[in-house]
C-alpha atoms as a PDB file:
ATOM      1  CA  MET A   1      49.203  90.413  91.019  1.00  0.00           C
ATOM      2  CA  THR A   2      49.987  87.144  89.244  1.00  0.00           C
ATOM      3  CA  GLU A   3      47.228  84.899  90.548  1.00  0.00           C
ATOM      4  CA  GLU A   4      43.627  85.016  91.715  1.00  0.00           C
ATOM      5  CA  PRO A   5      43.314  87.197  94.843  1.00  0.00           C
ATOM      6  CA  SER A   6      42.940  85.707  98.319  1.00  0.00           C
ATOM      7  CA  ALA A   7      39.521  85.878  99.986  1.00  0.00           C
ATOM      8  CA  ASN A   8      40.441  89.052 101.883  1.00  0.00           C
ATOM      9  CA  GLU A   9      42.015  90.669  98.824  1.00  0.00           C
ATOM     10  CA  PHE A  10      39.020  89.727  96.713  1.00  0.00           C
ATOM     11  CA  GLN A  11      36.493  91.235  99.117  1.00  0.00           C
ATOM     12  CA  HIS A  12      38.438  94.485  99.284  1.00  0.00           C
ATOM     13  CA  LEU A  13      38.899  94.652  95.504  1.00  0.00           C
ATOM     14  CA  ASN A  14      35.278  93.818  94.827  1.00  0.00           C
ATOM     15  CA  GLU A  15      34.025  96.534  97.147  1.00  0.00           C
ATOM     16  CA  GLU A  16      36.365  99.004  95.440  1.00  0.00           C
ATOM     17  CA  VAL A  17      35.136  97.919  92.004  1.00  0.00           C
ATOM     18  CA  ARG A  18      31.533  98.501  93.057  1.00  0.00           C
ATOM     19  CA  ASP A  19      32.246 101.897  94.628  1.00  0.00           C
ATOM     20  CA  ILE A  20      34.305 103.081  91.637  1.00  0.00           C
ATOM     21  CA  TRP A  21      31.588 102.185  89.152  1.00  0.00           C
ATOM     22  CA  ASP A  22      28.970 103.868  91.302  1.00  0.00           C
ATOM     23  CA  ALA A  23      31.148 107.000  91.307  1.00  0.00           C
ATOM     24  CA  ASN A  24      31.670 106.819  87.533  1.00  0.00           C
ATOM     25  CA  ALA A  25      28.100 105.872  86.619  1.00  0.00           C
ATOM     26  CA  ASP A  26      26.711 109.308  85.745  1.00  0.00           C
ATOM     27  CA  PHE A  27      29.807 110.299  83.774  1.00  0.00           C
ATOM     28  CA  TRP A  28      29.671 107.033  81.833  1.00  0.00           C
ATOM     29  CA  ASP A  29      25.964 107.392  81.191  1.00  0.00           C
ATOM     30  CA  GLN A  30      26.496 110.854  79.702  1.00  0.00           C
ATOM     31  CA  ARG A  31      29.534 109.881  77.618  1.00  0.00           C
ATOM     32  CA  MET A  32      28.402 106.417  76.553  1.00  0.00           C
ATOM     33  CA  GLY A  33      24.770 107.230  75.826  1.00  0.00           C
ATOM     34  CA  GLU A  34      23.618 104.587  73.352  1.00  0.00           C
ATOM     35  CA  GLY A  35      27.163 103.529  72.487  1.00  0.00           C
ATOM     36  CA  ASN A  36      30.502 105.071  71.535  1.00  0.00           C
ATOM     37  CA  ASP A  37      32.620 104.252  68.447  1.00  0.00           C
ATOM     38  CA  PHE A  38      34.024 101.096  70.042  1.00  0.00           C
ATOM     39  CA  HIS A  39      30.540  99.803  70.729  1.00  0.00           C
ATOM     40  CA  ARG A  40      28.909 100.890  67.485  1.00  0.00           C
ATOM     41  CA  ASP A  41      31.716  99.827  65.129  1.00  0.00           C
ATOM     42  CA  LEU A  42      33.476  96.930  66.857  1.00  0.00           C
ATOM     43  CA  ILE A  43      31.519  95.403  69.705  1.00  0.00           C
ATOM     44  CA  MET A  44      27.816  95.664  68.894  1.00  0.00           C
ATOM     45  CA  PRO A  45      27.823  94.132  65.385  1.00  0.00           C
ATOM     46  CA  ASN A  46      30.091  91.262  66.389  1.00  0.00           C
ATOM     47  CA  GLN A  47      28.278  90.460  69.615  1.00  0.00           C
ATOM     48  CA  LEU A  48      24.927  90.543  67.839  1.00  0.00           C
ATOM     49  CA  ALA A  49      26.236  88.233  65.106  1.00  0.00           C
ATOM     50  CA  LEU A  50      27.546  85.690  67.609  1.00  0.00           C
ATOM     51  CA  LEU A  51      24.454  85.928  69.824  1.00  0.00           C
ATOM     52  CA  ASP A  52      22.167  85.288  66.830  1.00  0.00           C
ATOM     53  CA  ILE A  53      19.167  86.620  68.727  1.00  0.00           C
ATOM     54  CA  GLN A  54      15.779  85.279  67.696  1.00  0.00           C
ATOM     55  CA  PRO A  55      12.483  87.035  68.491  1.00  0.00           C
ATOM     56  CA  GLY A  56      11.293  85.912  71.897  1.00  0.00           C
ATOM     57  CA  ASP A  57      14.726  84.871  73.190  1.00  0.00           C
ATOM     58  CA  ASN A  58      15.349  85.440  76.878  1.00  0.00           C
ATOM     59  CA  VAL A  59      18.759  87.092  77.279  1.00  0.00           C
ATOM     60  CA  LEU A  60      20.780  88.013  80.358  1.00  0.00           C
ATOM     61  CA  ASP A  61      23.101  91.028  80.057  1.00  0.00           C
ATOM     62  CA  VAL A  62      25.864  90.774  82.688  1.00  0.00           C
ATOM     63  CA  GLY A  63      27.600  94.031  83.602  1.00  0.00           C
ATOM     64  CA  CYS A  64      24.945  95.940  81.675  1.00  0.00           C
ATOM     65  CA  GLY A  65      26.057  99.461  82.628  1.00  0.00           C
ATOM     66  CA  ASN A  66      23.470 101.990  81.509  1.00  0.00           C
ATOM     67  CA  GLY A  67      21.644  99.313  79.515  1.00  0.00           C
ATOM     68  CA  GLN A  68      22.618 100.441  76.016  1.00  0.00           C
ATOM     69  CA  PHE A  69      23.317  96.911  74.698  1.00  0.00           C
ATOM     70  CA  ALA A  70      20.277  95.495  76.505  1.00  0.00           C
ATOM     71  CA  ARG A  71      18.118  97.947  74.591  1.00  0.00           C
ATOM     72  CA  GLN A  72      19.794  97.015  71.304  1.00  0.00           C
ATOM     73  CA  MET A  73      18.966  93.356  71.934  1.00  0.00           C
ATOM     74  CA  ALA A  74      15.390  94.237  72.871  1.00  0.00           C
ATOM     75  CA  ASP A  75      15.073  96.148  69.590  1.00  0.00           C
ATOM     76  CA  ARG A  76      15.773  92.806  67.881  1.00  0.00           C
ATOM     77  CA  GLY A  77      12.973  91.010  69.684  1.00  0.00           C
ATOM     78  CA  ALA A  78      14.682  89.706  72.828  1.00  0.00           C
ATOM     79  CA  ARG A  79      13.363  89.919  76.365  1.00  0.00           C
ATOM     80  CA  VAL A  80      16.330  91.095  78.399  1.00  0.00           C
ATOM     81  CA  VAL A  81      17.342  91.115  82.039  1.00  0.00           C
ATOM     82  CA  GLY A  82      20.331  93.368  82.749  1.00  0.00           C
ATOM     83  CA  VAL A  83      22.420  93.131  85.917  1.00  0.00           C
ATOM     84  CA  ASP A  84      25.288  95.230  87.219  1.00  0.00           C
ATOM     85  CA  ILE A  85      27.233  95.468  90.484  1.00  0.00           C
ATOM     86  CA  ALA A  86      26.798  99.265  90.645  1.00  0.00           C
ATOM     87  CA  GLU A  87      23.426 100.448  91.898  1.00  0.00           C
ATOM     88  CA  ARG A  88      23.778 103.842  90.197  1.00  0.00           C
ATOM     89  CA  MET A  89      24.422 102.129  86.852  1.00  0.00           C
ATOM     90  CA  ILE A  90      21.153 100.241  87.259  1.00  0.00           C
ATOM     91  CA  GLU A  91      19.289 103.428  88.172  1.00  0.00           C
ATOM     92  CA  ASN A  92      20.513 105.041  84.961  1.00  0.00           C
ATOM     93  CA  ALA A  93      19.654 101.927  82.939  1.00  0.00           C
ATOM     94  CA  VAL A  94      16.097 101.956  84.294  1.00  0.00           C
ATOM     95  CA  SER A  95      15.742 105.676  83.571  1.00  0.00           C
ATOM     96  CA  ARG A  96      16.872 105.234  79.954  1.00  0.00           C
ATOM     97  CA  SER A  97      14.628 102.217  79.316  1.00  0.00           C
ATOM     98  CA  GLN A  98      11.176 103.500  80.286  1.00  0.00           C
ATOM     99  CA  ASP A  99       9.817 103.034  76.765  1.00  0.00           C
ATOM    100  CA  TYR A 100      10.660  99.316  76.748  1.00  0.00           C
ATOM    101  CA  GLY A 101       8.165  98.227  79.410  1.00  0.00           C
ATOM    102  CA  ASP A 102       8.748  94.678  80.624  1.00  0.00           C
ATOM    103  CA  ARG A 103      10.879  93.798  77.564  1.00  0.00           C
ATOM    104  CA  VAL A 104      13.907  95.077  79.502  1.00  0.00           C
ATOM    105  CA  ARG A 105      14.279  94.647  83.256  1.00  0.00           C
ATOM    106  CA  PHE A 106      17.230  95.485  85.475  1.00  0.00           C
ATOM    107  CA  ALA A 107      18.564  94.382  88.841  1.00  0.00           C
ATOM    108  CA  VAL A 108      21.630  94.944  91.004  1.00  0.00           C
ATOM    109  CA  ALA A 109      23.669  91.730  91.071  1.00  0.00           C
ATOM    110  CA  ASP A 110      27.351  90.950  91.530  1.00  0.00           C
ATOM    111  CA  ALA A 111      28.711  88.746  88.729  1.00  0.00           C
ATOM    112  CA  THR A 112      31.442  87.473  91.068  1.00  0.00           C
ATOM    113  CA  ASP A 113      28.787  85.991  93.395  1.00  0.00           C
ATOM    114  CA  GLU A 114      27.396  82.769  91.923  1.00  0.00           C
ATOM    115  CA  ASN A 115      24.447  82.577  94.303  1.00  0.00           C
ATOM    116  CA  ALA A 116      23.440  86.161  93.573  1.00  0.00           C
ATOM    117  CA  MET A 117      23.575  85.475  89.850  1.00  0.00           C
ATOM    118  CA  LEU A 118      21.453  82.336  90.096  1.00  0.00           C
ATOM    119  CA  LYS A 119      18.659  84.366  91.686  1.00  0.00           C
ATOM    120  CA  VAL A 120      17.984  86.053  88.334  1.00  0.00           C
ATOM    121  CA  GLY A 121      16.726  82.784  86.841  1.00  0.00           C
ATOM    122  CA  GLU A 122      18.461  79.411  86.786  1.00  0.00           C
ATOM    123  CA  GLY A 123      17.946  77.688  83.427  1.00  0.00           C
ATOM    124  CA  ALA A 124      15.962  80.664  82.118  1.00  0.00           C
ATOM    125  CA  TYR A 125      18.115  82.110  79.339  1.00  0.00           C
ATOM    126  CA  ASP A 126      18.612  81.310  75.678  1.00  0.00           C
ATOM    127  CA  ALA A 127      21.681  83.537  75.625  1.00  0.00           C
ATOM    128  CA  ILE A 128      23.905  85.467  78.025  1.00  0.00           C
ATOM    129  CA  CYS A 129      26.229  88.315  77.106  1.00  0.00           C
ATOM    130  CA  CYS A 130      28.881  90.268  78.958  1.00  0.00           C
ATOM    131  CA  THR A 131      30.029  93.420  77.195  1.00  0.00           C
ATOM    132  CA  MET A 132      33.523  94.666  78.059  1.00  0.00           C
ATOM    133  CA  ALA A 133      33.110  93.790  81.737  1.00  0.00           C
ATOM    134  CA  ILE A 134      35.014  90.552  82.391  1.00  0.00           C
ATOM    135  CA  MET A 135      38.276  92.509  82.587  1.00  0.00           C
ATOM    136  CA  ASP A 136      36.655  94.544  85.399  1.00  0.00           C
ATOM    137  CA  MET A 137      36.036  91.454  87.567  1.00  0.00           C
ATOM    138  CA  ALA A 138      38.481  90.390  90.284  1.00  0.00           C
ATOM    139  CA  SER A 139      37.408  86.762  89.816  1.00  0.00           C
ATOM    140  CA  ILE A 140      35.602  85.107  86.888  1.00  0.00           C
ATOM    141  CA  GLU A 141      35.242  81.543  88.193  1.00  0.00           C
ATOM    142  CA  PRO A 142      31.863  82.323  89.846  1.00  0.00           C
ATOM    143  CA  LEU A 143      30.597  83.832  86.596  1.00  0.00           C
ATOM    144  CA  SER A 144      31.609  80.774  84.577  1.00  0.00           C
ATOM    145  CA  SER A 145      29.876  78.430  87.008  1.00  0.00           C
ATOM    146  CA  ALA A 146      26.758  80.600  87.143  1.00  0.00           C
ATOM    147  CA  VAL A 147      26.478  80.965  83.364  1.00  0.00           C
ATOM    148  CA  ARG A 148      26.371  77.167  82.951  1.00  0.00           C
ATOM    149  CA  ARG A 149      23.408  76.989  85.302  1.00  0.00           C
ATOM    150  CA  LEU A 150      21.629  80.079  83.990  1.00  0.00           C
ATOM    151  CA  LEU A 151      21.581  78.973  80.349  1.00  0.00           C
ATOM    152  CA  LYS A 152      18.972  76.727  78.813  1.00  0.00           C
ATOM    153  CA  PRO A 153      20.253  73.569  77.060  1.00  0.00           C
ATOM    154  CA  GLY A 154      21.820  74.656  73.786  1.00  0.00           C
ATOM    155  CA  GLY A 155      22.274  78.242  74.977  1.00  0.00           C
ATOM    156  CA  ARG A 156      25.230  80.444  74.183  1.00  0.00           C
ATOM    157  CA  PHE A 157      27.433  82.846  76.109  1.00  0.00           C
ATOM    158  CA  VAL A 158      29.039  85.757  74.264  1.00  0.00           C
ATOM    159  CA  PHE A 159      31.493  88.163  75.824  1.00  0.00           C
ATOM    160  CA  SER A 160      33.803  90.942  74.692  1.00  0.00           C
ATOM    161  CA  VAL A 161      36.977  92.186  76.353  1.00  0.00           C
ATOM    162  CA  MET A 162      39.858  94.456  75.532  1.00  0.00           C
ATOM    163  CA  HIS A 163      42.096  92.205  73.445  1.00  0.00           C
ATOM    164  CA  PRO A 164      44.413  90.533  75.996  1.00  0.00           C
ATOM    165  CA  VAL A 165      47.328  90.565  73.539  1.00  0.00           C
ATOM    166  CA  PHE A 166      47.091  94.001  71.975  1.00  0.00           C
ATOM    167  CA  ASN A 167      45.104  96.221  74.325  1.00  0.00           C
ATOM    168  CA  SER A 168      45.442  95.213  77.934  1.00  0.00           C
ATOM    169  CA  PRO A 169      48.605  95.556  80.054  1.00  0.00           C
ATOM    170  CA  LYS A 170      49.172  99.017  81.469  1.00  0.00           C
ATOM    171  CA  ASP A 171      52.674  99.243  79.955  1.00  0.00           C
ATOM    172  CA  LEU A 172      51.523  98.472  76.416  1.00  0.00           C
ATOM    173  CA  VAL A 173      52.512 101.271  74.049  1.00  0.00           C
ATOM    174  CA  ARG A 174      50.987 102.290  70.724  1.00  0.00           C
ATOM    175  CA  THR A 175      53.479 103.883  68.366  1.00  0.00           C
ATOM    176  CA  VAL A 176      53.680 105.410  64.901  1.00  0.00           C
ATOM    177  CA  ASP A 177      56.863 105.429  62.832  1.00  0.00           C
ATOM    178  CA  ARG A 178      57.054 108.029  60.061  1.00  0.00           C
ATOM    179  CA  THR A 179      59.417 107.356  57.172  1.00  0.00           C
ATOM    180  CA  GLU A 180      60.086 109.043  53.844  1.00  0.00           C
ATOM    181  CA  THR A 181      60.451 106.967  50.671  1.00  0.00           C
ATOM    182  CA  GLU A 182      62.876 107.688  47.831  1.00  0.00           C
ATOM    183  CA  ASP A 183      59.966 109.265  45.980  1.00  0.00           C
ATOM    184  CA  GLY A 184      59.420 111.746  48.805  1.00  0.00           C
ATOM    185  CA  LEU A 185      56.253 110.071  50.092  1.00  0.00           C
ATOM    186  CA  ILE A 186      55.613 109.995  53.831  1.00  0.00           C
ATOM    187  CA  ILE A 187      54.545 106.584  55.158  1.00  0.00           C
ATOM    188  CA  ASP A 188      53.174 106.056  58.664  1.00  0.00           C
ATOM    189  CA  THR A 189      53.548 102.601  60.197  1.00  0.00           C
ATOM    190  CA  TYR A 190      51.373 101.960  63.239  1.00  0.00           C
ATOM    191  CA  SER A 191      52.432  99.326  65.752  1.00  0.00           C
ATOM    192  CA  VAL A 192      51.928  98.076  69.290  1.00  0.00           C
ATOM    193  CA  LYS A 193      54.858  97.413  71.602  1.00  0.00           C
ATOM    194  CA  ILE A 194      54.217  94.558  74.046  1.00  0.00           C
ATOM    195  CA  SER A 195      56.605  93.783  76.886  1.00  0.00           C
ATOM    196  CA  LYS A 196      54.321  91.798  79.217  1.00  0.00           C
ATOM    197  CA  TYR A 197      51.466  89.449  78.444  1.00  0.00           C
ATOM    198  CA  ILE A 198      51.429  85.962  79.965  1.00  0.00           C
ATOM    199  CA  GLN A 199      51.024  86.863  83.643  1.00  0.00           C
ATOM    200  CA  SER A 200      47.693  87.948  85.061  1.00  0.00           C
ATOM    201  CA  VAL A 201      47.948  91.400  86.570  1.00  0.00           C
ATOM    202  CA  ALA A 202      45.655  93.917  88.250  1.00  0.00           C
ATOM    203  CA  TYR A 203      46.081  97.633  87.707  1.00  0.00           C
ATOM    204  CA  LYS A 204      44.108 100.858  87.557  1.00  0.00           C
ATOM    205  CA  GLY A 205      43.456 102.984  84.498  1.00  0.00           C
ATOM    206  CA  LEU A 206      41.050 105.289  82.690  1.00  0.00           C
ATOM    207  CA  ALA A 207      38.727 104.016  79.995  1.00  0.00           C
ATOM    208  CA  MET A 208      37.444 107.527  79.310  1.00  0.00           C
ATOM    209  CA  LEU A 209      39.413 110.700  79.927  1.00  0.00           C
ATOM    210  CA  GLY A 210      37.740 112.759  82.597  1.00  0.00           C
ATOM    211  CA  GLN A 211      35.964 109.960  84.435  1.00  0.00           C
ATOM    212  CA  PRO A 212      35.821 110.713  88.178  1.00  0.00           C
ATOM    213  CA  GLU A 213      37.701 107.614  89.387  1.00  0.00           C
ATOM    214  CA  PRO A 214      40.282 105.339  87.733  1.00  0.00           C
ATOM    215  CA  GLN A 215      38.919 101.814  87.466  1.00  0.00           C
ATOM    216  CA  HIS A 216      40.400  98.415  88.221  1.00  0.00           C
ATOM    217  CA  TYR A 217      41.494  96.281  85.285  1.00  0.00           C
ATOM    218  CA  PHE A 218      42.241  92.581  85.637  1.00  0.00           C
ATOM    219  CA  HIS A 219      44.401  91.461  82.737  1.00  0.00           C
ATOM    220  CA  ARG A 220      44.325  87.743  81.928  1.00  0.00           C
ATOM    221  CA  PRO A 221      46.095  86.113  78.972  1.00  0.00           C
ATOM    222  CA  ILE A 222      43.810  84.353  76.506  1.00  0.00           C
ATOM    223  CA  SER A 223      44.718  80.967  78.005  1.00  0.00           C
ATOM    224  CA  GLY A 224      43.994  82.163  81.529  1.00  0.00           C
ATOM    225  CA  LEU A 225      40.708  83.664  80.402  1.00  0.00           C
ATOM    226  CA  LEU A 226      39.337  80.775  78.355  1.00  0.00           C
ATOM    227  CA  ASN A 227      40.629  77.915  80.512  1.00  0.00           C
ATOM    228  CA  VAL A 228      38.314  79.043  83.310  1.00  0.00           C
ATOM    229  CA  PHE A 229      35.348  78.339  81.036  1.00  0.00           C
ATOM    230  CA  PHE A 230      36.851  75.199  79.503  1.00  0.00           C
ATOM    231  CA  ARG A 231      37.168  73.696  83.003  1.00  0.00           C
ATOM    232  CA  ASP A 232      33.425  74.211  83.412  1.00  0.00           C
ATOM    233  CA  GLY A 233      32.772  72.304  80.205  1.00  0.00           C
ATOM    234  CA  PHE A 234      32.305  75.183  77.777  1.00  0.00           C
ATOM    235  CA  THR A 235      33.382  74.837  74.169  1.00  0.00           C
ATOM    236  CA  LEU A 236      34.488  77.704  71.955  1.00  0.00           C
ATOM    237  CA  ASP A 237      32.636  77.902  68.638  1.00  0.00           C
ATOM    238  CA  GLY A 238      32.900  81.542  67.618  1.00  0.00           C
ATOM    239  CA  ILE A 239      35.553  84.225  67.841  1.00  0.00           C
ATOM    240  CA  GLU A 240      36.037  87.676  66.310  1.00  0.00           C
ATOM    241  CA  GLU A 241      38.901  90.190  66.445  1.00  0.00           C
ATOM    242  CA  PRO A 242      37.334  93.340  64.960  1.00  0.00           C
ATOM    243  CA  VAL A 243      39.343  96.296  63.699  1.00  0.00           C
ATOM    244  CA  PHE A 244      38.372  99.764  62.574  1.00  0.00           C
ATOM    245  CA  GLY A 245      38.053 100.235  58.834  1.00  0.00           C
ATOM    246  CA  SER A 246      40.679 102.177  56.916  1.00  0.00           C
ATOM    247  CA  ASP A 247      38.036 104.767  56.017  1.00  0.00           C
ATOM    248  CA  THR A 248      37.412 105.682  59.667  1.00  0.00           C
ATOM    249  CA  ALA A 249      38.391 109.257  60.477  1.00  0.00           C
ATOM    250  CA  PRO A 250      40.632 109.182  63.583  1.00  0.00           C
ATOM    251  CA  ASN A 251      40.655 111.978  66.125  1.00  0.00           C
ATOM    252  CA  GLY A 252      44.360 111.656  66.905  1.00  0.00           C
ATOM    253  CA  THR A 253      47.564 109.984  65.733  1.00  0.00           C
ATOM    254  CA  LEU A 254      47.437 107.196  68.309  1.00  0.00           C
ATOM    255  CA  ASP A 255      43.686 106.579  68.167  1.00  0.00           C
ATOM    256  CA  TRP A 256      42.757 102.941  67.614  1.00  0.00           C
ATOM    257  CA  ASP A 257      41.042 104.086  64.410  1.00  0.00           C
ATOM    258  CA  ASN A 258      44.522 104.239  62.840  1.00  0.00           C
ATOM    259  CA  PHE A 259      45.464 100.675  63.791  1.00  0.00           C
ATOM    260  CA  ASN A 260      43.552  98.888  61.056  1.00  0.00           C
ATOM    261  CA  GLN A 261      45.593  95.670  61.301  1.00  0.00           C
ATOM    262  CA  ILE A 262      45.635  95.342  65.099  1.00  0.00           C
ATOM    263  CA  PRO A 263      42.410  94.360  66.921  1.00  0.00           C
ATOM    264  CA  PRO A 264      41.715  96.252  70.156  1.00  0.00           C
ATOM    265  CA  VAL A 265      38.793  93.961  71.050  1.00  0.00           C
ATOM    266  CA  LEU A 266      38.227  90.207  71.364  1.00  0.00           C
ATOM    267  CA  VAL A 267      34.683  88.801  71.063  1.00  0.00           C
ATOM    268  CA  VAL A 268      34.033  85.160  71.951  1.00  0.00           C
ATOM    269  CA  ARG A 269      31.108  82.717  71.889  1.00  0.00           C
ATOM    270  CA  LEU A 270      31.045  79.742  74.233  1.00  0.00           C
ATOM    271  CA  ARG A 271      28.517  76.943  74.613  1.00  0.00           C
ATOM    272  CA  PRO A 272      28.134  74.833  77.756  1.00  0.00           C
ATOM    273  CA  GLY A 273      28.700  71.089  77.703  1.00  0.00           C
ATOM    274  CA  THR A 274      29.446  68.692  80.527  1.00  0.00           C
ATOM    275  CA  ALA A 275      31.880  69.953  83.153  1.00  0.00           C
ATOM    276  CA  ARG A 276      34.948  67.785  83.667  1.00  0.00           C
END
C-alpha cells in the first residue's frame, strides 16, 4: 500500500487493528508489565524529557495499552487520561491502576476517529503523548486534527515510533560482519541493510515473539509522518534518536542492544500553531 487507504479499506483495516489488539492484550500485559527494555532504556526517559511534565499537568495518553506509561507520568505529578482502541487493553490498564485513584483514568477511544477523541476533553490537556502507537494506525490525519483541538494553548504533543529509517519496513535486515585483524583480533561490525524506505506501506509482523496474532504496521517515511502534522500547523521543536548503551548486555547477536550507533526509535515533540 503506497497511499492512505480508501474509506472501505480503512474501515476493514481499523476493525482488524482493534480485534488484533484485543486478542493480544493479555499477552502484552503479561510481557510488557511496567515496561520492557525498549521502554525503560529508550522510550520512557526521552518521552519524559520532551514532555517536561509539571505537577498538576493534565495529560492525555493515546494508545495507552496497559497503562504503564500513564502510571509513570502520574508518578511525576500528572493527572492522566489514557485511551486505547482495544477494550481489553483498557480493562487491563484499569486493573493495574487501582492504587492511582482518579489520578489515572481510562476510556476506550479510537485515535483514528476525531470526534471520538474530542469527547475526552477539547482544550483540556497541557500535554498529549502517543507511545509507539502511530505506526499501528491506518490513518493519522484524524489524530493530528484532534490533538490540535485537545491541547491547551502552549501545549505539546510527544510521540515515539519505530525509527522509520532504521527499524520499520518488513524487508529491513540487521546484519553482523565478523572480521579478523592482522593481530588476530575478531571485530564485529553491526549494520542495517535498507532496500525500501520512501513509500508508505502496510504489512503485518510480530513485536513480541509468541503474541497470539501478528499486528498491522503502517510504515511512513519521516516526511510522510511529519508533514501530516505540519499541515495542521504544528512545529517541531524537539527530537531524539535514542540508542542502547555499549554496556548493555544483549541477549542475542542481532538484538538491538548491539547496534549502539543505529537508533531503533524516533521520539518527537510538536507544538500546535495556526493551521495553514
